[in-house]
C-alpha cells in the first residue's frame, strides 16, 4: 500500500490548459494511497503559499508541484515516494525536463516536483517566507534538511512548461542575483556556489549587481516579474 500524500500546488496567473494537463497526469497515476490535492491561489508568493498548504494538509508526506510542471508518467508519484521506505530519507526530488530546450537537469531541491516528510519540514521551520518570496526558499530548505537526513534523487521526472526559464538573458538572471545574496548572507559558504554570486556582483554586470545588492540592503528576496 502506497502512503497517503498531500500535493500542494501554489498558483499565480495559472494557465487553465496546463492545469488540466497536470490534473489528468495526477488522476492517471498508478498509486493506491490517498492523494489530497491542495491548490493555493492567493498571490502570497511560493514560500508562504506552500507553508499554508502544509499547515492545512492531512497527510504525513507532502509533495510540492508547480502550476507549470507536468508529471511525465503514471509512475512519477510512486517513484518519487518509494525512497521514504528508508526512515532516514527526509526529501525526494524529481528530475526536470525543460520543455523549451529539452534539457534535463536534477536540481538539489526544487518545488517543481519534490516530496518531503511533513515532520521534517516542521522541524526546520518549513520554507522561509520572511526572506524568500518566490526564489531561494528551495535552496534554503535543501541546506536545512540536508543537516537532518537524506535527500534522494530517484529520477522520476516532470516537464517544465515555462518559456524562457533557462535563458541566460531572461528574468531568472536578475532573480537569481537577488536570491544569491540572501542565501549567502543566511548560510555563508554552506550555500553551494556561493563564490559565483560574489564574482558576478560587479559594476560591469549592472543588472546582476543591482539585484544582488538590493537583496543585501533589504535583507530579503523581493524580485517580481
Protein backbone atom coordinates (compact mmCIF):
# COMPACT_ATOMS: atom_id res chain seq x y z
CA UNK A 1 0.00 0.00 0.00
CA UNK A 2 1.43 3.37 -1.03
CA UNK A 3 1.47 6.04 1.71
CA UNK A 4 -1.12 8.80 1.61
CA UNK A 5 0.22 12.10 0.25
CA UNK A 6 -0.83 15.74 0.12
CA UNK A 7 0.08 17.50 -3.15
CA UNK A 8 0.37 21.28 -2.77
CA UNK A 9 0.12 23.47 -5.86
CA UNK A 10 0.78 27.21 -5.44
CA UNK A 11 -1.00 29.12 -8.22
CA UNK A 12 -0.45 32.56 -9.71
CA UNK A 13 -1.91 33.67 -13.05
CA UNK A 14 -2.16 29.99 -13.91
CA UNK A 15 -2.82 28.57 -17.38
CA UNK A 16 -6.08 26.60 -17.45
CA UNK A 17 -4.90 24.21 -20.16
CA UNK A 18 -1.71 23.42 -18.25
CA UNK A 19 -3.64 22.85 -15.03
CA UNK A 20 -5.92 20.44 -16.86
CA UNK A 21 -2.89 18.50 -18.13
CA UNK A 22 -1.46 18.33 -14.61
CA UNK A 23 -4.79 17.20 -13.15
CA UNK A 24 -5.08 14.45 -15.73
CA UNK A 25 -1.49 13.34 -15.07
CA UNK A 26 -2.26 13.09 -11.35
CA UNK A 27 -5.53 11.23 -11.99
CA UNK A 28 -3.61 8.76 -14.18
CA UNK A 29 -1.02 7.92 -11.52
CA UNK A 30 -0.61 4.24 -10.69
CA UNK A 31 -0.85 4.92 -6.97
CA UNK A 32 -3.05 3.20 -4.38
CA UNK A 33 -2.59 5.64 -1.49
CA UNK A 34 -4.89 8.62 -0.94
CA UNK A 35 -3.89 11.74 -2.90
CA UNK A 36 -5.03 15.02 -1.37
CA UNK A 37 -4.80 18.00 -3.76
CA UNK A 38 -4.38 21.46 -2.21
CA UNK A 39 -4.35 24.45 -4.56
CA UNK A 40 -3.33 27.80 -3.10
CA UNK A 41 -4.27 30.79 -5.28
CA UNK A 42 -3.71 33.91 -3.24
CA UNK A 43 -0.68 35.79 -4.61
CA UNK A 44 1.33 35.31 -1.43
CA UNK A 45 4.44 34.01 -3.17
CA UNK A 46 5.79 30.46 -3.29
CA UNK A 47 7.16 30.10 0.23
CA UNK A 48 4.12 31.42 2.09
CA UNK A 49 1.66 29.61 -0.18
CA UNK A 50 3.35 26.22 0.26
CA UNK A 51 3.68 26.76 4.02
CA UNK A 52 -0.04 27.43 4.24
CA UNK A 53 -0.71 24.26 2.26
CA UNK A 54 1.49 22.29 4.65
CA UNK A 55 -0.40 23.72 7.64
CA UNK A 56 -3.79 22.53 6.36
CA UNK A 57 -2.65 19.22 4.82
CA UNK A 58 -3.88 15.98 6.34
CA UNK A 59 -1.12 13.55 5.34
CA UNK A 60 2.44 12.98 6.60
CA UNK A 61 4.07 13.07 3.14
CA UNK A 62 3.97 16.42 1.35
CA UNK A 63 4.50 16.87 -2.38
CA UNK A 64 5.04 20.30 -3.93
CA UNK A 65 4.11 20.63 -7.59
CA UNK A 66 4.34 23.82 -9.63
CA UNK A 67 1.49 25.01 -11.83
CA UNK A 68 3.67 24.51 -14.93
CA UNK A 69 5.22 21.14 -14.05
CA UNK A 70 3.62 18.08 -15.63
CA UNK A 71 4.43 14.55 -14.39
CA UNK A 72 5.91 12.54 -17.26
CA UNK A 73 4.46 9.12 -16.48
CA UNK A 74 1.89 7.29 -14.40
CA UNK A 75 4.68 6.04 -12.12
CA UNK A 76 6.02 9.52 -11.30
CA UNK A 77 4.44 9.67 -7.86
CA UNK A 78 5.22 6.10 -6.80
CA UNK A 79 8.86 6.53 -7.87
CA UNK A 80 9.10 9.84 -6.00
CA UNK A 81 7.60 8.42 -2.80
CA UNK A 82 9.23 4.97 -2.68
CA UNK A 83 12.52 6.26 -1.11
CA UNK A 84 10.59 7.15 2.07
CA UNK A 85 10.60 3.45 2.92
CA UNK A 86 14.02 4.38 4.34
CA UNK A 87 13.23 6.28 7.57
CA UNK A 88 16.37 8.40 7.20
CA UNK A 89 15.08 9.98 3.96
CA UNK A 90 13.60 13.45 4.51
CA UNK A 91 13.06 14.56 0.89
CA UNK A 92 12.87 13.18 -2.66
CA UNK A 93 13.50 15.33 -5.74
CA UNK A 94 12.26 14.96 -9.33
CA UNK A 95 14.33 15.48 -12.44
CA UNK A 96 13.15 18.43 -14.54
CA UNK A 97 12.79 18.43 -18.33
CA UNK A 98 12.72 21.95 -19.73
CA UNK A 99 10.07 21.86 -22.46
CA UNK A 100 11.58 24.73 -24.45
CA UNK A 101 15.14 23.39 -24.69
CA UNK A 102 14.55 19.69 -23.88
CA UNK A 103 17.36 19.97 -21.34
CA UNK A 104 17.14 17.51 -18.45
CA UNK A 105 18.56 18.56 -15.11
CA UNK A 106 18.39 17.43 -11.50
CA UNK A 107 18.09 20.30 -9.02
CA UNK A 108 19.41 19.91 -5.49
CA UNK A 109 15.89 20.81 -4.43
CA UNK A 110 13.08 22.39 -6.38
CA UNK A 111 9.36 22.61 -5.60
CA UNK A 112 8.51 21.73 -9.21
CA UNK A 113 8.14 18.11 -8.10
CA UNK A 114 9.52 17.36 -4.64
CA UNK A 115 8.30 15.21 -1.76
CA UNK A 116 9.05 15.75 1.92
CA UNK A 117 8.26 14.28 5.31
CA UNK A 118 5.94 16.77 6.98
CA UNK A 119 7.56 16.30 10.40
CA UNK A 120 10.98 17.04 8.86
CA UNK A 121 9.63 20.23 7.28
CA UNK A 122 8.15 21.34 10.58
CA UNK A 123 11.36 20.57 12.44
CA UNK A 124 13.35 23.03 10.28
CA UNK A 125 10.66 25.70 10.16
CA UNK A 126 9.31 24.82 6.68
CA UNK A 127 10.04 27.33 3.88
CA UNK A 128 11.48 30.68 4.96
CA UNK A 129 8.74 33.06 3.84
CA UNK A 130 10.22 36.07 5.67
CA UNK A 131 13.34 36.25 3.49
CA UNK A 132 12.32 34.45 0.28
CA UNK A 133 9.30 35.48 -1.80
CA UNK A 134 9.47 33.39 -4.99
CA UNK A 135 13.05 32.14 -5.23
CA UNK A 136 15.72 30.70 -2.97
CA UNK A 137 13.33 29.13 -0.49
CA UNK A 138 14.05 25.74 -2.06
CA UNK A 139 17.83 26.03 -1.70
CA UNK A 140 17.41 27.38 1.82
CA UNK A 141 15.28 24.33 2.65
CA UNK A 142 17.80 21.98 1.00
CA UNK A 143 20.59 23.28 3.24
CA UNK A 144 18.42 22.90 6.35
CA UNK A 145 17.06 19.44 5.52
CA UNK A 146 20.48 18.13 4.49
CA UNK A 147 21.58 18.57 8.11
CA UNK A 148 18.90 16.24 9.48
CA UNK A 149 18.57 13.45 6.92
CA UNK A 150 18.97 12.10 3.39
CA UNK A 151 17.77 13.87 0.25
CA UNK A 152 17.40 11.44 -2.65
CA UNK A 153 17.03 11.69 -6.43
CA UNK A 154 15.01 8.74 -7.81
CA UNK A 155 14.84 10.11 -11.40
CA UNK A 156 11.11 10.48 -11.52
CA UNK A 157 10.55 13.48 -13.78
CA UNK A 158 8.32 16.44 -14.55
CA UNK A 159 8.16 18.51 -17.74
CA UNK A 160 8.56 22.22 -17.01
CA UNK A 161 6.47 24.27 -19.45
CA UNK A 162 7.90 27.73 -18.74
CA UNK A 163 9.25 29.57 -21.83
CA UNK A 164 12.47 31.49 -21.20
CA UNK A 165 13.15 29.86 -17.83
CA UNK A 166 16.69 28.76 -18.71
CA UNK A 167 17.52 31.77 -20.88
CA UNK A 168 20.77 33.46 -19.82
CA UNK A 169 19.30 36.87 -20.67
CA UNK A 170 15.87 36.27 -19.12
CA UNK A 171 14.37 37.38 -15.84
CA UNK A 172 15.93 34.46 -13.91
CA UNK A 173 19.34 36.12 -14.07
CA UNK A 174 18.04 39.09 -12.08
CA UNK A 175 16.00 36.91 -9.75
CA UNK A 176 19.00 34.65 -9.07
CA UNK A 177 21.13 37.67 -8.20
CA UNK A 178 18.57 38.81 -5.65
CA UNK A 179 18.31 35.27 -4.29
CA UNK A 180 22.04 34.50 -4.16
CA UNK A 181 22.83 37.42 -1.88
CA UNK A 182 20.17 36.31 0.58
CA UNK A 183 21.36 32.71 0.56
CA UNK A 184 24.97 33.80 1.02
CA UNK A 185 24.06 36.08 3.91
CA UNK A 186 21.96 33.42 5.66
CA UNK A 187 24.12 30.33 5.04
CA UNK A 188 27.58 31.64 4.17
CA UNK A 189 29.79 29.07 2.45
CA UNK A 190 27.26 26.30 3.16
CA UNK A 191 25.39 27.69 0.16
CA UNK A 192 26.64 25.70 -2.90
CA UNK A 193 28.26 28.01 -5.45
CA UNK A 194 28.37 30.94 -3.01
CA UNK A 195 31.51 32.34 -4.62
CA UNK A 196 29.87 32.66 -8.05
CA UNK A 197 27.42 35.24 -6.75
CA UNK A 198 30.21 37.41 -5.38
CA UNK A 199 32.16 37.29 -8.65
CA UNK A 200 29.09 38.20 -10.73
CA UNK A 201 28.05 41.09 -8.49
CA UNK A 202 30.32 43.72 -10.05
CA UNK A 203 29.73 47.06 -11.81
CA UNK A 204 30.47 45.51 -15.21
CA UNK A 205 27.38 43.33 -14.73
CA UNK A 206 24.91 46.12 -13.81
CA UNK A 207 21.64 44.18 -13.75
CA UNK A 208 23.09 41.41 -11.59
CA UNK A 209 24.91 43.98 -9.43
CA UNK A 210 21.69 45.91 -8.76
CA UNK A 211 19.60 42.92 -7.71
CA UNK A 212 22.37 41.33 -5.66
CA UNK A 213 22.97 44.44 -3.61
CA UNK A 214 19.23 45.14 -3.37
CA UNK A 215 18.97 41.85 -1.51
CA UNK A 216 21.78 42.98 0.78
CA UNK A 217 20.08 46.30 1.59
CA UNK A 218 16.55 44.94 2.04
CA UNK A 219 17.72 41.68 3.64
CA UNK A 220 15.16 39.70 1.64
CA UNK A 221 14.43 38.38 -1.85
CA UNK A 222 11.67 40.52 -3.38
CA UNK A 223 12.09 40.12 -7.16
CA UNK A 224 8.80 40.03 -9.08
CA UNK A 225 8.32 39.57 -12.80
